[in-house]
Structures are given as structure tokens and as C-alpha cells.
Protein backbone atom coordinates (compact mmCIF):
# COMPACT_ATOMS: atom_id res chain seq x y z
CA MET A 1 116.07 105.80 61.17
CA VAL A 2 119.20 107.28 61.57
CA LYS A 3 122.47 105.77 60.54
CA ASN A 4 124.95 107.87 60.56
CA LEU A 5 125.49 109.68 64.00
CA GLU A 6 127.27 112.51 64.35
CA VAL A 7 129.64 112.42 67.63
CA GLY A 8 130.60 115.81 69.54
CA VAL A 9 130.29 118.65 71.67
CA GLU A 10 127.22 121.39 71.08
CA VAL A 11 126.54 124.48 72.71
CA LYS A 12 122.82 124.92 73.95
CA LYS A 13 120.76 126.96 75.42
CA VAL A 14 118.06 126.69 77.93
CA ASP A 15 114.94 128.32 78.39
CA SER A 16 113.28 129.98 80.81
CA GLN A 17 111.32 127.36 82.36
CA GLY A 18 114.84 125.50 82.26
CA ARG A 19 113.73 123.42 79.06
CA LEU A 20 116.85 122.04 76.59
CA ILE A 21 116.50 120.57 72.48
CA LEU A 22 118.25 117.07 72.23
CA PRO A 23 119.89 116.40 68.77
CA ALA A 24 117.32 115.49 66.97
CA ASP A 25 119.87 112.27 65.38
CA TRP A 26 120.42 111.34 68.94
CA ARG A 27 117.03 111.36 70.25
CA GLU A 28 116.28 109.23 67.12
CA SER A 29 119.74 106.45 67.13
CA GLU A 30 119.56 106.18 70.87
CA VAL A 31 116.22 107.62 73.39
CA GLY A 32 114.01 105.22 71.05
CA GLU A 33 110.30 104.23 71.39
CA SER A 34 110.28 104.75 74.76
CA ARG A 35 111.22 108.06 75.67
CA GLU A 36 112.03 107.48 78.84
CA LEU A 37 116.47 108.51 80.28
CA TYR A 38 117.99 108.69 83.41
CA VAL A 39 119.41 112.18 84.83
CA VAL A 40 122.32 111.85 87.03
CA LYS A 41 123.36 114.91 88.21
CA ARG A 42 126.82 115.46 89.39
CA LYS A 43 128.31 118.66 91.01
CA GLY A 44 129.25 120.71 88.04
CA TYR A 45 127.73 118.06 85.28
CA LEU A 46 124.61 116.73 84.09
CA LYS A 47 125.02 112.81 81.95
CA ILE A 48 121.61 112.19 80.26
CA VAL A 49 121.31 108.63 79.57
CA PRO A 50 118.77 106.51 78.09
CA LYS A 51 116.83 103.76 79.18
CA ARG A 52 116.73 100.61 78.31
CA ARG A 53 114.68 97.24 78.97
CA VAL A 54 117.27 94.12 79.73
CA ASP A 55 117.01 90.85 79.41
CA LEU A 56 117.58 89.47 82.24
CA THR A 57 117.57 85.05 80.58
CA GLU A 58 119.31 86.54 78.36
CA ASN A 59 122.62 85.13 79.73
CA PHE A 60 120.75 81.98 82.13
CA ASP A 61 122.31 79.26 79.99
CA LYS A 62 125.49 80.27 79.18
CA VAL A 63 126.93 80.10 82.72
CA ASP A 64 129.32 76.88 83.27
CA LEU A 65 129.52 76.14 86.70
CA GLY A 66 131.42 72.77 85.40
CA VAL A 67 128.43 70.42 86.40
CA ASP A 68 126.01 68.67 84.92
CA ALA A 69 123.10 68.65 87.78
CA ILE A 70 122.80 70.78 91.17
CA GLY A 71 121.24 67.23 93.30
CA SER A 72 122.60 68.95 97.01
CA TRP A 73 123.01 72.34 96.78
CA LYS A 74 124.80 72.73 100.04
CA GLU A 75 127.27 70.32 98.42
CA PHE A 76 127.51 72.36 95.14
CA GLU A 77 127.96 75.41 97.41
CA LYS A 78 131.57 73.11 99.42
CA ARG A 79 132.50 72.40 95.65
CA PHE A 80 132.47 75.87 94.73
CA PHE A 81 133.92 77.60 97.64
CA GLU A 82 136.60 75.27 97.97
CA VAL A 83 137.41 75.43 94.18
CA GLY A 84 137.51 79.27 94.64
CA THR A 85 139.62 79.37 96.80
């Protein structure tokens, strides 16, 4: 495990098949076991972002809607949108 990731700019060569080598410290600390990356193509540059697994249930119980229970969804929506305006 890399403890101190060196931040900076590196010049890399691209081989005849269009491949380049990612810095080892970045691969170890950012890519992880999935070894999958998003490559975002923009005019003039590429952006490489590690693909991460997102836990969608992480924040389910952290939202406070200001009610103890929702008995009627229609009534809840009505009161919720009244407060927002």
C-alpha cells in the first residue's frame, strides 16, 4: 500500500499501439482491485478517473424529512412542496 502519493506532472511516451504506463504509486493507491478506469475524452486532453463502487444505501437513514412516519404519500408530497415554496 502506498502511504504517500507523489502529486505532480509526468511526461510519458505512448507506444506504437497507443498505450501508456500509469504511475505505479497512483495505480496502487487509486485503481485498486477492479483495475477499471473511466477515460473521459475531451478536445485536447484525456481525463482518467478510477471506477469506484458506490454504496447507494450509505445515506438512506441520514435524511431528515421532518416527520415520524409517512402515512399518506400524497399528503406528504403536498406538505413537503408547500414548505419548499
